[in-house]
C-alpha atoms as a PDB file:
ATOM      1  CA  MET A   1      -0.333   0.126  -0.293  1.00  0.00           C
ATOM      2  CA  ILE A   2       2.847   2.256   0.394  1.00  0.00           C
ATOM      3  CA  ASP A   3       4.581   3.803  -2.454  1.00  0.00           C
ATOM      4  CA  ALA A   4       6.252   7.145  -3.463  1.00  0.00           C
ATOM      5  CA  ALA A   5       3.038   8.808  -3.477  1.00  0.00           C
ATOM      6  CA  ILE A   6       2.379   8.373   0.138  1.00  0.00           C
ATOM      7  CA  ASP A   7       6.042   8.841   1.354  1.00  0.00           C
ATOM      8  CA  ARG A   8       5.929  11.769  -0.039  1.00  0.00           C
ATOM      9  CA  LEU A   9       2.619  12.425   1.758  1.00  0.00           C
ATOM     10  CA  ILE A  10       4.107  11.745   5.097  1.00  0.00           C
ATOM     11  CA  ASP A  11       7.172  13.492   4.449  1.00  0.00           C
ATOM     12  CA  LEU A  12       4.747  16.885   3.659  1.00  0.00           C
ATOM     13  CA  ALA A  13       2.906  16.164   7.049  1.00  0.00           C
ATOM     14  CA  ILE A  14       6.209  15.472   9.296  1.00  0.00           C
ATOM     15  CA  GLU A  15       7.422  18.702   7.502  1.00  0.00           C
ATOM     16  CA  GLU A  16       4.419  20.307   8.362  1.00  0.00           C
ATOM     17  CA  ASP A  17       4.373  19.665  12.436  1.00  0.00           C
ATOM     18  CA  LEU A  18       8.372  19.321  12.498  1.00  0.00           C
ATOM     19  CA  GLY A  19       9.901  21.342  10.126  1.00  0.00           C
ATOM     20  CA  ARG A  20      11.393  24.042  12.782  1.00  0.00           C
ATOM     21  CA  GLY A  21      11.389  21.268  15.261  1.00  0.00           C
ATOM     22  CA  ASP A  22      10.149  20.635  18.790  1.00  0.00           C
ATOM     23  CA  ALA A  23      10.198  23.582  21.075  1.00  0.00           C
ATOM     24  CA  THR A  24       9.044  21.444  23.525  1.00  0.00           C
ATOM     25  CA  ALA A  25      11.372  18.755  23.365  1.00  0.00           C
ATOM     26  CA  VAL A  26      14.039  21.048  25.403  1.00  0.00           C
ATOM     27  CA  ILE A  27      12.727  19.513  28.563  1.00  0.00           C
ATOM     28  CA  VAL A  28      13.016  15.826  27.464  1.00  0.00           C
ATOM     29  CA  ASP A  29      16.549  14.113  27.781  1.00  0.00           C
ATOM     30  CA  ALA A  30      18.651  13.616  24.759  1.00  0.00           C
ATOM     31  CA  ASP A  31      18.895   9.812  25.233  1.00  0.00           C
ATOM     32  CA  ALA A  32      15.389   9.881  27.449  1.00  0.00           C
ATOM     33  CA  GLN A  33      13.332   6.322  25.925  1.00  0.00           C
ATOM     34  CA  ALA A  34      10.007   6.022  25.881  1.00  0.00           C
ATOM     35  CA  ARG A  35       6.826   3.257  25.344  1.00  0.00           C
ATOM     36  CA  GLY A  36       3.308   3.545  25.113  1.00  0.00           C
ATOM     37  CA  ALA A  37       0.145   2.518  23.180  1.00  0.00           C
ATOM     38  CA  ILE A  38      -2.153   3.518  20.726  1.00  0.00           C
ATOM     39  CA  LEU A  39      -5.616   3.534  22.011  1.00  0.00           C
ATOM     40  CA  ALA A  40      -8.956   3.332  20.328  1.00  0.00           C
ATOM     41  CA  LYS A  41     -11.197   6.089  22.713  1.00  0.00           C
ATOM     42  CA  GLN A  42     -14.653   4.974  20.787  1.00  0.00           C
ATOM     43  CA  PRO A  43     -15.518   2.010  19.085  1.00  0.00           C
ATOM     44  CA  LEU A  44     -14.090   1.955  15.421  1.00  0.00           C
ATOM     45  CA  VAL A  45     -12.715  -0.332  12.515  1.00  0.00           C
ATOM     46  CA  VAL A  46      -8.904  -0.218  12.496  1.00  0.00           C
ATOM     47  CA  CYS A  47      -7.243   1.101   9.743  1.00  0.00           C
ATOM     48  CA  GLY A  48      -3.957   2.749   9.136  1.00  0.00           C
ATOM     49  CA  LEU A  49      -1.386   0.802  11.315  1.00  0.00           C
ATOM     50  CA  ALA A  50       1.300   0.207   8.343  1.00  0.00           C
ATOM     51  CA  ILE A  51       0.832   4.383   7.711  1.00  0.00           C
ATOM     52  CA  ALA A  52       1.381   4.821  11.543  1.00  0.00           C
ATOM     53  CA  HIS A  53       4.337   2.537  11.878  1.00  0.00           C
ATOM     54  CA  ARG A  54       5.834   4.575   8.318  1.00  0.00           C
ATOM     55  CA  VAL A  55       5.360   7.867  10.331  1.00  0.00           C
ATOM     56  CA  PHE A  56       7.490   6.619  13.439  1.00  0.00           C
ATOM     57  CA  ALA A  57       9.678   5.046  11.145  1.00  0.00           C
ATOM     58  CA  ARG A  58      10.459   8.315   8.726  1.00  0.00           C
ATOM     59  CA  VAL A  59      10.581  10.843  11.992  1.00  0.00           C
ATOM     60  CA  ASP A  60      13.240   8.107  13.797  1.00  0.00           C
ATOM     61  CA  ALA A  61      13.819   4.433  12.462  1.00  0.00           C
ATOM     62  CA  ARG A  62      15.201   3.462  16.005  1.00  0.00           C
ATOM     63  CA  ILE A  63      11.211   3.852  16.513  1.00  0.00           C
ATOM     64  CA  ALA A  64       9.799   0.374  17.301  1.00  0.00           C
ATOM     65  CA  MET A  65       5.674   0.127  16.478  1.00  0.00           C
ATOM     66  CA  THR A  66       4.184  -3.490  17.202  1.00  0.00           C
ATOM     67  CA  PRO A  67       0.416  -4.063  16.440  1.00  0.00           C
ATOM     68  CA  HIS A  68      -1.786  -5.788  18.548  1.00  0.00           C
ATOM     69  CA  ALA A  69      -4.983  -5.475  15.674  1.00  0.00           C
ATOM     70  CA  ALA A  70      -4.993  -5.413  11.781  1.00  0.00           C
ATOM     71  CA  ASP A  71      -6.771  -3.412   9.602  1.00  0.00           C
ATOM     72  CA  GLY A  72     -10.445  -4.062   9.279  1.00  0.00           C
ATOM     73  CA  ASP A  73     -10.813  -5.432  12.613  1.00  0.00           C
ATOM     74  CA  ALA A  74     -13.232  -4.053  14.943  1.00  0.00           C
ATOM     75  CA  ALA A  75     -12.289  -2.418  18.460  1.00  0.00           C
ATOM     76  CA  HIS A  76     -14.508  -1.214  21.495  1.00  0.00           C
ATOM     77  CA  ALA A  77     -13.027   1.859  23.053  1.00  0.00           C
ATOM     78  CA  GLY A  78     -10.098   1.320  25.170  1.00  0.00           C
ATOM     79  CA  ALA A  79      -8.697  -1.376  22.647  1.00  0.00           C
ATOM     80  CA  ARG A  80      -4.611  -1.418  22.706  1.00  0.00           C
ATOM     81  CA  LEU A  81      -3.915  -1.038  19.161  1.00  0.00           C
ATOM     82  CA  ALA A  82      -0.210  -1.095  18.869  1.00  0.00           C
ATOM     83  CA  ASP A  83       2.779  -0.421  21.462  1.00  0.00           C
ATOM     84  CA  VAL A  84       5.135   2.140  20.507  1.00  0.00           C
ATOM     85  CA  ALA A  85       9.002   2.320  22.086  1.00  0.00           C
ATOM     86  CA  GLY A  86      11.729   4.518  21.311  1.00  0.00           C
ATOM     87  CA  PRO A  87      13.945   7.726  21.856  1.00  0.00           C
ATOM     88  CA  ALA A  88      11.481   9.974  23.557  1.00  0.00           C
ATOM     89  CA  ARG A  89      11.771  13.235  21.839  1.00  0.00           C
ATOM     90  CA  ALA A  90      11.158  11.242  18.584  1.00  0.00           C
ATOM     91  CA  VAL A  91       8.082   9.165  19.601  1.00  0.00           C
ATOM     92  CA  LEU A  92       6.445  12.638  21.134  1.00  0.00           C
ATOM     93  CA  GLY A  93       7.344  14.449  17.758  1.00  0.00           C
ATOM     94  CA  ALA A  94       5.890  12.029  15.580  1.00  0.00           C
ATOM     95  CA  GLU A  95       2.763  11.579  17.822  1.00  0.00           C
ATOM     96  CA  ARG A  96       0.404  13.644  16.310  1.00  0.00           C
ATOM     97  CA  THR A  97       1.031  13.066  12.501  1.00  0.00           C
ATOM     98  CA  ALA A  98       0.917   9.570  13.229  1.00  0.00           C
ATOM     99  CA  LEU A  99      -2.497   9.603  15.194  1.00  0.00           C
ATOM    100  CA  ASN A 100      -3.759  12.267  12.516  1.00  0.00           C
ATOM    101  CA  PHE A 101      -3.486   9.674   9.216  1.00  0.00           C
ATOM    102  CA  MET A 102      -4.768   6.521  11.309  1.00  0.00           C
ATOM    103  CA  GLY A 103      -7.687   8.809  12.657  1.00  0.00           C
ATOM    104  CA  ARG A 104      -9.050   9.939   9.076  1.00  0.00           C
ATOM    105  CA  LEU A 105      -8.366   6.566   7.922  1.00  0.00           C
ATOM    106  CA  CYS A 106      -9.732   4.896  10.941  1.00  0.00           C
ATOM    107  CA  GLY A 107     -12.720   7.139  10.742  1.00  0.00           C
ATOM    108  CA  ILE A 108     -13.700   6.757   6.658  1.00  0.00           C
ATOM    109  CA  ALA A 109     -13.586   2.614   7.461  1.00  0.00           C
ATOM    110  CA  THR A 110     -16.068   3.145  10.155  1.00  0.00           C
ATOM    111  CA  LEU A 111     -18.296   4.846   8.300  1.00  0.00           C
ATOM    112  CA  ALA A 112     -17.871   2.580   5.418  1.00  0.00           C
ATOM    113  CA  ARG A 113     -18.368  -0.489   7.590  1.00  0.00           C
ATOM    114  CA  ALA A 114     -22.080   1.093   9.019  1.00  0.00           C
ATOM    115  CA  TYR A 115     -22.988   1.501   5.203  1.00  0.00           C
ATOM    116  CA  ALA A 116     -22.132  -1.777   3.953  1.00  0.00           C
ATOM    117  CA  GLN A 117     -23.646  -3.595   6.734  1.00  0.00           C
ATOM    118  CA  ALA A 118     -27.013  -1.604   5.935  1.00  0.00           C
ATOM    119  CA  ALA A 119     -26.940  -2.780   2.928  1.00  0.00           C
ATOM    120  CA  SER A 120     -25.798  -6.195   3.345  1.00  0.00           C
ATOM    121  CA  GLY A 121     -27.864  -9.374   1.832  1.00  0.00           C
ATOM    122  CA  THR A 122     -28.909  -7.650  -1.189  1.00  0.00           C
ATOM    123  CA  ARG A 123     -26.924  -7.572  -4.642  1.00  0.00           C
ATOM    124  CA  ALA A 124     -26.054  -4.062  -3.979  1.00  0.00           C
ATOM    125  CA  ARG A 125     -22.451  -2.657  -3.229  1.00  0.00           C
ATOM    126  CA  VAL A 126     -21.402   0.497  -1.481  1.00  0.00           C
ATOM    127  CA  SER A 127     -19.018   2.098  -3.336  1.00  0.00           C
ATOM    128  CA  ASP A 128     -17.009   5.791  -2.580  1.00  0.00           C
ATOM    129  CA  THR A 129     -16.669   8.525  -5.465  1.00  0.00           C
ATOM    130  CA  ARG A 130     -13.837  10.813  -5.945  1.00  0.00           C
ATOM    131  CA  LYS A 131     -14.899  13.443  -3.821  1.00  0.00           C
ATOM    132  CA  THR A 132     -11.397  12.996  -1.540  1.00  0.00           C
ATOM    133  CA  THR A 133      -9.352  15.082  -0.052  1.00  0.00           C
ATOM    134  CA  PRO A 134      -6.389  16.234  -2.399  1.00  0.00           C
ATOM    135  CA  GLY A 135      -3.766  13.672  -2.091  1.00  0.00           C
ATOM    136  CA  TRP A 136      -5.001  11.487   0.135  1.00  0.00           C
ATOM    137  CA  ARG A 137      -7.394   9.256  -2.715  1.00  0.00           C
ATOM    138  CA  ALA A 138      -5.278   6.032  -2.157  1.00  0.00           C
ATOM    139  CA  LEU A 139      -5.144   6.252   1.641  1.00  0.00           C
ATOM    140  CA  GLU A 140      -9.157   7.459   1.540  1.00  0.00           C
ATOM    141  CA  LYS A 141     -10.148   4.528  -0.899  1.00  0.00           C
ATOM    142  CA  TYR A 142      -8.275   1.881   0.992  1.00  0.00           C
ATOM    143  CA  ALA A 143     -10.340   3.158   4.164  1.00  0.00           C
ATOM    144  CA  VAL A 144     -13.394   2.556   2.474  1.00  0.00           C
ATOM    145  CA  ARG A 145     -12.107  -1.217   0.738  1.00  0.00           C
ATOM    146  CA  THR A 146     -11.182  -1.804   4.707  1.00  0.00           C
ATOM    147  CA  GLY A 147     -14.336  -0.749   6.162  1.00  0.00           C
ATOM    148  CA  GLY A 148     -16.308  -3.426   3.464  1.00  0.00           C
ATOM    149  CA  GLY A 149     -17.344  -0.823   0.855  1.00  0.00           C
ATOM    150  CA  THR A 150     -15.729  -0.937  -2.510  1.00  0.00           C
ATOM    151  CA  ASN A 151     -13.913   1.883  -4.982  1.00  0.00           C
ATOM    152  CA  HIS A 152     -15.640   3.569  -7.862  1.00  0.00           C
ATOM    153  CA  ARG A 153     -13.178   5.286 -10.239  1.00  0.00           C
ATOM    154  CA  MET A 154      -9.797   5.910  -9.103  1.00  0.00           C
ATOM    155  CA  ASP A 155      -9.141   8.789 -11.673  1.00  0.00           C
ATOM    156  CA  LEU A 156     -10.819  10.091 -14.806  1.00  0.00           C
ATOM    157  CA  ALA A 157      -8.909   7.465 -16.892  1.00  0.00           C
ATOM    158  CA  GLU A 158     -10.655   4.482 -15.231  1.00  0.00           C
ATOM    159  CA  ALA A 159     -14.137   4.558 -17.077  1.00  0.00           C
ATOM    160  CA  ILE A 160     -16.171   7.099 -18.996  1.00  0.00           C
ATOM    161  CA  LEU A 161     -19.107   8.839 -16.766  1.00  0.00           C
ATOM    162  CA  ILE A 162     -20.999  11.638 -18.663  1.00  0.00           C
ATOM    163  CA  LYS A 163     -22.317  13.934 -16.361  1.00  0.00           C
ATOM    164  CA  ASP A 164     -24.578  17.231 -16.194  1.00  0.00           C
ATOM    165  CA  ASN A 165     -21.822  19.238 -17.428  1.00  0.00           C
ATOM    166  CA  HIS A 166     -20.630  17.049 -20.136  1.00  0.00           C
ATOM    167  CA  LEU A 167     -24.037  17.080 -21.953  1.00  0.00           C
ATOM    168  CA  ARG A 168     -23.643  21.008 -21.740  1.00  0.00           C
ATOM    169  CA  VAL A 169     -20.769  21.044 -23.427  1.00  0.00           C
ATOM    170  CA  VAL A 170     -22.345  18.280 -26.268  1.00  0.00           C
ATOM    171  CA  GLY A 171     -25.817  18.711 -26.422  1.00  0.00           C
ATOM    172  CA  SER A 172     -27.307  15.530 -26.092  1.00  0.00           C
ATOM    173  CA  ILE A 173     -27.206  12.575 -24.129  1.00  0.00           C
ATOM    174  CA  SER A 174     -27.993  10.425 -27.536  1.00  0.00           C
ATOM    175  CA  GLU A 175     -24.858  12.291 -29.268  1.00  0.00           C
ATOM    176  CA  ALA A 176     -22.941  11.745 -25.618  1.00  0.00           C
ATOM    177  CA  VAL A 177     -23.060   8.147 -25.609  1.00  0.00           C
ATOM    178  CA  ARG A 178     -22.386   7.656 -29.586  1.00  0.00           C
ATOM    179  CA  ARG A 179     -19.246   9.655 -29.198  1.00  0.00           C
ATOM    180  CA  ALA A 180     -18.166   7.865 -26.089  1.00  0.00           C
ATOM    181  CA  ARG A 181     -18.775   4.310 -27.994  1.00  0.00           C
ATOM    182  CA  ALA A 182     -16.855   5.565 -30.768  1.00  0.00           C
ATOM    183  CA  ARG A 183     -14.167   6.718 -29.745  1.00  0.00           C
ATOM    184  CA  ALA A 184     -13.159   5.243 -26.486  1.00  0.00           C
ATOM    185  CA  PRO A 185     -10.912   2.286 -25.843  1.00  0.00           C
ATOM    186  CA  ALA A 186     -12.369  -0.987 -26.344  1.00  0.00           C
ATOM    187  CA  GLY A 187     -14.322  -2.806 -23.746  1.00  0.00           C
ATOM    188  CA  MET A 188     -14.208   0.729 -21.552  1.00  0.00           C
ATOM    189  CA  ARG A 189     -17.694   1.176 -19.440  1.00  0.00           C
ATOM    190  CA  VAL A 190     -19.879   3.996 -20.315  1.00  0.00           C
ATOM    191  CA  GLU A 191     -21.867   4.935 -17.323  1.00  0.00           C
ATOM    192  CA  VAL A 192     -24.444   8.425 -17.868  1.00  0.00           C
ATOM    193  CA  GLU A 193     -25.765  10.449 -14.946  1.00  0.00           C
ATOM    194  CA  VAL A 194     -29.488  10.835 -15.575  1.00  0.00           C
ATOM    195  CA  ASP A 195     -31.978  12.800 -13.453  1.00  0.00           C
ATOM    196  CA  THR A 196     -35.044  11.748 -15.029  1.00  0.00           C
ATOM    197  CA  LEU A 197     -36.707   8.722 -16.838  1.00  0.00           C
ATOM    198  CA  ALA A 198     -36.723  10.408 -19.812  1.00  0.00           C
ATOM    199  CA  GLN A 199     -32.874  10.708 -19.667  1.00  0.00           C
ATOM    200  CA  LEU A 200     -32.753   6.677 -18.830  1.00  0.00           C
ATOM    201  CA  ASP A 201     -34.451   5.841 -21.348  1.00  0.00           C
ATOM    202  CA  GLU A 202     -32.709   7.709 -23.888  1.00  0.00           C
ATOM    203  CA  ALA A 203     -29.196   6.455 -22.732  1.00  0.00           C
ATOM    204  CA  LEU A 204     -30.530   2.634 -22.614  1.00  0.00           C
ATOM    205  CA  ARG A 205     -31.566   3.294 -26.207  1.00  0.00           C
ATOM    206  CA  GLU A 206     -28.105   4.331 -26.904  1.00  0.00           C
ATOM    207  CA  GLY A 207     -26.526   1.364 -25.438  1.00  0.00           C
ATOM    208  CA  ALA A 208     -25.053   2.931 -22.111  1.00  0.00           C
ATOM    209  CA  THR A 209     -23.372   0.162 -19.850  1.00  0.00           C
ATOM    210  CA  ASP A 210     -24.038   2.092 -16.326  1.00  0.00           C
ATOM    211  CA  VAL A 211     -26.403   4.621 -15.438  1.00  0.00           C
ATOM    212  CA  LEU A 212     -26.259   6.551 -12.515  1.00  0.00           C
ATOM    213  CA  LEU A 213     -29.597   7.941 -10.824  1.00  0.00           C
ATOM    214  CA  ASP A 214     -29.125  11.370  -9.609  1.00  0.00           C
ATOM    215  CA  ASN A 215     -30.787  12.316  -6.318  1.00  0.00           C
ATOM    216  CA  MET A 216     -34.167  10.210  -7.511  1.00  0.00           C
ATOM    217  CA  ASP A 217     -36.453   9.283  -5.220  1.00  0.00           C
ATOM    218  CA  ASP A 218     -37.643   5.841  -4.019  1.00  0.00           C
ATOM    219  CA  ALA A 219     -40.359   5.478  -6.042  1.00  0.00           C
ATOM    220  CA  THR A 220     -38.346   7.158  -9.510  1.00  0.00           C
ATOM    221  CA  VAL A 221     -35.526   4.403  -8.790  1.00  0.00           C
ATOM    222  CA  ALA A 222     -37.495   1.841  -8.534  1.00  0.00           C
ATOM    223  CA  GLU A 223     -39.038   2.231 -11.683  1.00  0.00           C
ATOM    224  CA  ALA A 224     -35.946   3.075 -13.116  1.00  0.00           C
ATOM    225  CA  VAL A 225     -34.821   0.064 -12.193  1.00  0.00           C
ATOM    226  CA  ARG A 226     -37.641  -1.624 -13.703  1.00  0.00           C
ATOM    227  CA  ARG A 227     -37.462   0.038 -16.676  1.00  0.00           C
ATOM    228  CA  ALA A 228     -33.459  -0.770 -17.169  1.00  0.00           C
ATOM    229  CA  ALA A 229     -34.351  -4.670 -16.403  1.00  0.00           C
ATOM    230  CA  GLY A 230     -30.450  -6.239 -16.360  1.00  0.00           C
ATOM    231  CA  ARG A 231     -30.069  -4.061 -19.488  1.00  0.00           C
ATOM    232  CA  ALA A 232     -27.520  -1.537 -17.847  1.00  0.00           C
ATOM    233  CA  VAL A 233     -25.888  -1.465 -14.522  1.00  0.00           C
ATOM    234  CA  VAL A 234     -28.135   1.078 -12.180  1.00  0.00           C
ATOM    235  CA  GLU A 235     -25.711   2.566  -9.679  1.00  0.00           C
ATOM    236  CA  VAL A 236     -27.563   5.397  -7.277  1.00  0.00           C
ATOM    237  CA  SER A 237     -26.493   8.461  -5.962  1.00  0.00           C
ATOM    238  CA  GLY A 238     -27.533  12.177  -3.915  1.00  0.00           C
ATOM    239  CA  GLY A 239     -29.377  11.976  -0.542  1.00  0.00           C
ATOM    240  CA  VAL A 240     -28.263   8.298   0.352  1.00  0.00           C
ATOM    241  CA  THR A 241     -28.764   7.920   4.153  1.00  0.00           C
ATOM    242  CA  LEU A 242     -27.988   4.520   6.838  1.00  0.00           C
ATOM    243  CA  GLU A 243     -31.789   5.229   6.943  1.00  0.00           C
ATOM    244  CA  ARG A 244     -32.138   4.926   3.270  1.00  0.00           C
ATOM    245  CA  ILE A 245     -30.119   2.497   2.106  1.00  0.00           C
ATOM    246  CA  GLY A 246     -31.794  -0.218   2.830  1.00  0.00           C
ATOM    247  CA  ARG A 247     -34.614   0.649   1.330  1.00  0.00           C
ATOM    248  CA  LEU A 248     -32.606   1.258  -2.087  1.00  0.00           C
ATOM    249  CA  ALA A 249     -31.078  -1.885  -2.370  1.00  0.00           C
ATOM    250  CA  ALA A 250     -34.164  -3.689  -1.772  1.00  0.00           C
ATOM    251  CA  ALA A 251     -35.203  -1.627  -4.715  1.00  0.00           C
ATOM    252  CA  GLY A 252     -32.439  -4.092  -6.868  1.00  0.00           C
ATOM    253  CA  VAL A 253     -29.912  -1.562  -7.670  1.00  0.00           C
ATOM    254  CA  ASP A 254     -26.216  -2.403  -8.259  1.00  0.00           C
ATOM    255  CA  VAL A 255     -24.412   0.211  -6.956  1.00  0.00           C
ATOM    256  CA  ILE A 256     -24.896   2.932  -4.220  1.00  0.00           C
ATOM    257  CA  SER A 257     -22.597   5.338  -4.114  1.00  0.00           C
ATOM    258  CA  VAL A 258     -21.964   7.747  -1.323  1.00  0.00           C
ATOM    259  CA  GLY A 259     -19.997  10.777  -1.175  1.00  0.00           C
ATOM    260  CA  ARG A 260     -20.136  11.227   2.783  1.00  0.00           C
ATOM    261  CA  LEU A 261     -17.891   8.095   3.140  1.00  0.00           C
ATOM    262  CA  THR A 262     -14.705  10.191   2.557  1.00  0.00           C
ATOM    263  CA  HIS A 263     -15.759  13.959   2.162  1.00  0.00           C
ATOM    264  CA  SER A 264     -17.765  13.514   5.676  1.00  0.00           C
ATOM    265  CA  ALA A 265     -16.141  10.913   7.854  1.00  0.00           C
ATOM    266  CA  PRO A 266     -15.491  12.215  10.975  1.00  0.00           C
ATOM    267  CA  ALA A 267     -11.817  11.137  12.118  1.00  0.00           C
ATOM    268  CA  ALA A 268     -12.309   8.038  14.616  1.00  0.00           C
ATOM    269  CA  ASP A 269     -10.970   9.260  18.543  1.00  0.00           C
ATOM    270  CA  LEU A 270      -7.515   7.682  19.145  1.00  0.00           C
ATOM    271  CA  SER A 271      -4.844   8.137  21.691  1.00  0.00           C
ATOM    272  CA  LEU A 272      -0.909   7.192  22.048  1.00  0.00           C
ATOM    273  CA  GLU A 273      -0.500   6.988  25.928  1.00  0.00           C
ATOM    274  CA  LEU A 274       2.716   6.667  27.493  1.00  0.00           C
ATOM    275  CA  GLU A 275       3.743   4.658  30.327  1.00  0.00           C
END
């Protein structure tokens, strides 16, 4: 999971916090050692242990981190997720950056698990969107998978998704789909965002492989699924709450995409307690 791009992100975060040094470190003896544990302060889905480990190692290779959980585990409040030991100044300097990464990723995984469980037992899979924190996409989408969700497009090159602004440029769904099918690489899926049943019918006539039902109410979603009838993958997005997701899944949609998995997941509460 950790590649050069993620190392650059970690280094940027360390530079942000430690680039000018740690003024408080003057009270800690240079040879002092520290030992402690990363604790969950709320129920959560564990995610990002390797990232936290990497942060500590980038600050000081002498810091050792021993995990007591694995990404994807459900942890209770007070659970000991990992032990950390090493030079005290380095441990204290890396603490906040490591917890910031882990807290963000645990928060996304925890929310994704709740949404995935709400759709369990149906054909629908819960997916994220491209509404991710700039620079964090690979990590945030990893956290969604860790929680039991699936990933939509990783980037704009992965598939064609014709949205309302594309249609304003091109002129119509029919023309947009025809151009996509004629000019796209062989085998690439062509998805069209539709706001109405009339737009859905147009997209299906032109051979769209996927349709995205945007902000439709439950009754309209059910009718759209009936009309698609296996002719296209049916995705629904917009206004998807935990209370509503069961109804959408029961309607027979294939994909439920939820932007808030990444753009609004609250960070999980973690702490590093030194002993």
